[in-house]
Amino acid sequence: NDHERLDEAKAELHKIVLDREIQQDMPLLILANKSDLPDALDAKETAEKLEVANLTELNVHVQQCCALSGDGIILGLNWLAKTFMPASKSDKSTTDREKTT
């Protein structure tokens, strides 16, 4: 049962963070697969079970998805891409100018 495996996933996630395998302020995308199943947890419930609120040094996003249909995967990847993008194009061009001078 996947609900039972959430405790194992939570332990592993927190172990990785405590061991500093993930750097501070690093974005972390959690894809909550099998959202198409009738007993699936929603993203908020998954976040609560994984206790992501305790991972205050990380930027965490839980995205429901279904690997079979692809639902939610693009949304999660878009969130991840946005976290790496500069705030605006003008910020990027300033950075580019600074690199060339």
C-alpha atoms as a PDB file:
ATOM      1  CA  ASN A   1       0.000   0.000   0.000  1.00  0.00           C
ATOM      2  CA  ASP A   2       1.413   3.381  -1.011  1.00  0.00           C
ATOM      3  CA  HIS A   3      -0.022   5.105   2.079  1.00  0.00           C
ATOM      4  CA  GLU A   4       2.149   2.831   4.223  1.00  0.00           C
ATOM      5  CA  ARG A   5       5.206   3.704   2.136  1.00  0.00           C
ATOM      6  CA  LEU A   6       4.780   7.413   2.902  1.00  0.00           C
ATOM      7  CA  ASP A   7       6.446   6.912   6.292  1.00  0.00           C
ATOM      8  CA  GLU A   8       9.434   5.335   4.552  1.00  0.00           C
ATOM      9  CA  ALA A   9       9.525   8.149   1.980  1.00  0.00           C
ATOM     10  CA  LYS A  10       9.322  10.769   4.745  1.00  0.00           C
ATOM     11  CA  ALA A  11      12.206   9.158   6.629  1.00  0.00           C
ATOM     12  CA  GLU A  12      14.369   9.047   3.497  1.00  0.00           C
ATOM     13  CA  LEU A  13      13.520  12.627   2.518  1.00  0.00           C
ATOM     14  CA  HIS A  14      14.375  14.006   5.948  1.00  0.00           C
ATOM     15  CA  LYS A  15      17.551  11.884   6.114  1.00  0.00           C
ATOM     16  CA  ILE A  16      18.759  13.353   2.812  1.00  0.00           C
ATOM     17  CA  VAL A  17      18.061  16.886   4.033  1.00  0.00           C
ATOM     18  CA  LEU A  18      19.709  16.290   7.419  1.00  0.00           C
ATOM     19  CA  ASP A  19      22.771  14.777   5.738  1.00  0.00           C
ATOM     20  CA  ARG A  20      22.976  17.981   3.668  1.00  0.00           C
ATOM     21  CA  GLU A  21      22.788  16.089   0.397  1.00  0.00           C
ATOM     22  CA  ILE A  22      20.436  18.872  -0.675  1.00  0.00           C
ATOM     23  CA  GLN A  23      21.790  22.402  -0.399  1.00  0.00           C
ATOM     24  CA  GLN A  24      20.001  25.145   1.457  1.00  0.00           C
ATOM     25  CA  ASP A  25      17.463  27.083  -0.662  1.00  0.00           C
ATOM     26  CA  MET A  26      17.520  24.306  -3.266  1.00  0.00           C
ATOM     27  CA  PRO A  27      14.169  23.817  -4.991  1.00  0.00           C
ATOM     28  CA  LEU A  28      12.684  20.400  -4.360  1.00  0.00           C
ATOM     29  CA  LEU A  29       9.881  19.064  -6.543  1.00  0.00           C
ATOM     30  CA  ILE A  30       7.978  16.109  -5.140  1.00  0.00           C
ATOM     31  CA  LEU A  31       5.872  14.338  -7.752  1.00  0.00           C
ATOM     32  CA  ALA A  32       2.984  12.639  -5.948  1.00  0.00           C
ATOM     33  CA  ASN A  33       2.246   9.904  -8.457  1.00  0.00           C
ATOM     34  CA  LYS A  34      -0.930   7.838  -8.809  1.00  0.00           C
ATOM     35  CA  SER A  35      -3.239  10.804  -8.254  1.00  0.00           C
ATOM     36  CA  ASP A  36      -5.722   9.045 -10.526  1.00  0.00           C
ATOM     37  CA  LEU A  37      -6.429   6.347  -7.935  1.00  0.00           C
ATOM     38  CA  PRO A  38      -9.588   6.670  -5.844  1.00  0.00           C
ATOM     39  CA  ASP A  39      -7.790   6.683  -2.472  1.00  0.00           C
ATOM     40  CA  ALA A  40      -5.002   9.049  -3.583  1.00  0.00           C
ATOM     41  CA  LEU A  41      -3.970  11.850  -1.252  1.00  0.00           C
ATOM     42  CA  ASP A  42      -4.085  15.366  -2.628  1.00  0.00           C
ATOM     43  CA  ALA A  43      -0.934  17.515  -2.704  1.00  0.00           C
ATOM     44  CA  LYS A  44      -1.692  19.163   0.660  1.00  0.00           C
ATOM     45  CA  GLU A  45      -2.253  15.808   2.378  1.00  0.00           C
ATOM     46  CA  THR A  46       0.947  14.426   0.839  1.00  0.00           C
ATOM     47  CA  ALA A  47       2.898  17.468   2.039  1.00  0.00           C
ATOM     48  CA  GLU A  48       1.486  16.995   5.537  1.00  0.00           C
ATOM     49  CA  LYS A  49       2.335  13.286   5.620  1.00  0.00           C
ATOM     50  CA  LEU A  50       5.890  14.009   4.413  1.00  0.00           C
ATOM     51  CA  GLU A  51       6.149  16.889   6.898  1.00  0.00           C
ATOM     52  CA  VAL A  52       7.598  19.215   4.259  1.00  0.00           C
ATOM     53  CA  ALA A  53       6.713  22.226   6.431  1.00  0.00           C
ATOM     54  CA  ASN A  54       9.654  21.155   8.615  1.00  0.00           C
ATOM     55  CA  LEU A  55      12.025  21.548   5.657  1.00  0.00           C
ATOM     56  CA  THR A  56      12.180  25.311   6.100  1.00  0.00           C
ATOM     57  CA  GLU A  57      15.553  25.681   4.392  1.00  0.00           C
ATOM     58  CA  LEU A  58      14.200  24.306   1.108  1.00  0.00           C
ATOM     59  CA  ASN A  59      11.758  25.586  -1.491  1.00  0.00           C
ATOM     60  CA  VAL A  60       9.428  22.558  -1.679  1.00  0.00           C
ATOM     61  CA  HIS A  61       6.550  21.996  -4.076  1.00  0.00           C
ATOM     62  CA  VAL A  62       4.342  18.886  -4.046  1.00  0.00           C
ATOM     63  CA  GLN A  63       2.667  18.220  -7.391  1.00  0.00           C
ATOM     64  CA  GLN A  64       0.008  15.569  -7.886  1.00  0.00           C
ATOM     65  CA  CYS A  65       0.580  13.592 -11.051  1.00  0.00           C
ATOM     66  CA  CYS A  66      -0.237  10.435 -12.939  1.00  0.00           C
ATOM     67  CA  ALA A  67       2.658   8.805 -14.751  1.00  0.00           C
ATOM     68  CA  LEU A  68       0.316   6.794 -16.979  1.00  0.00           C
ATOM     69  CA  SER A  69      -1.510   9.805 -18.426  1.00  0.00           C
ATOM     70  CA  GLY A  70       1.168  12.437 -17.818  1.00  0.00           C
ATOM     71  CA  ASP A  71      -1.252  14.648 -15.873  1.00  0.00           C
ATOM     72  CA  GLY A  72       0.520  17.051 -13.551  1.00  0.00           C
ATOM     73  CA  ILE A  73       4.054  16.288 -14.689  1.00  0.00           C
ATOM     74  CA  ILE A  74       4.363  19.354 -16.941  1.00  0.00           C
ATOM     75  CA  LEU A  75       2.915  21.550 -14.178  1.00  0.00           C
ATOM     76  CA  GLY A  76       5.575  20.296 -11.784  1.00  0.00           C
ATOM     77  CA  LEU A  77       8.376  20.767 -14.276  1.00  0.00           C
ATOM     78  CA  ASN A  78       7.123  24.271 -15.086  1.00  0.00           C
ATOM     79  CA  TRP A  79       7.287  25.136 -11.374  1.00  0.00           C
ATOM     80  CA  LEU A  80      10.823  23.800 -11.236  1.00  0.00           C
ATOM     81  CA  ALA A  81      11.882  25.752 -14.327  1.00  0.00           C
ATOM     82  CA  LYS A  82      10.376  28.963 -12.934  1.00  0.00           C
ATOM     83  CA  THR A  83      12.365  28.603  -9.715  1.00  0.00           C
ATOM     84  CA  PHE A  84      15.585  28.648 -11.749  1.00  0.00           C
ATOM     85  CA  MET A  85      14.562  31.523 -14.021  1.00  0.00           C
ATOM     86  CA  PRO A  86      15.557  35.083 -13.169  1.00  0.00           C
ATOM     87  CA  ALA A  87      12.797  37.315 -11.832  1.00  0.00           C
ATOM     88  CA  SER A  88      12.626  39.240 -15.126  1.00  0.00           C
ATOM     89  CA  LYS A  89      14.389  39.608 -18.447  1.00  0.00           C
ATOM     90  CA  SER A  90      15.898  42.897 -17.298  1.00  0.00           C
ATOM     91  CA  ASP A  91      17.563  41.038 -14.414  1.00  0.00           C
ATOM     92  CA  LYS A  92      19.039  38.576 -16.913  1.00  0.00           C
ATOM     93  CA  SER A  93      20.387  41.285 -19.190  1.00  0.00           C
ATOM     94  CA  THR A  94      21.951  43.063 -16.224  1.00  0.00           C
ATOM     95  CA  THR A  95      23.650  39.825 -15.269  1.00  0.00           C
ATOM     96  CA  ASP A  96      24.817  39.316 -18.862  1.00  0.00           C
ATOM     97  CA  ARG A  97      26.246  42.874 -18.989  1.00  0.00           C
ATOM     98  CA  GLU A  98      28.036  42.364 -15.690  1.00  0.00           C
ATOM     99  CA  LYS A  99      29.680  39.211 -17.068  1.00  0.00           C
ATOM    100  CA  THR A 100      31.016  41.019 -20.149  1.00  0.00           C
ATOM    101  CA  THR A 101      32.454  44.049 -18.315  1.00  0.00           C
END
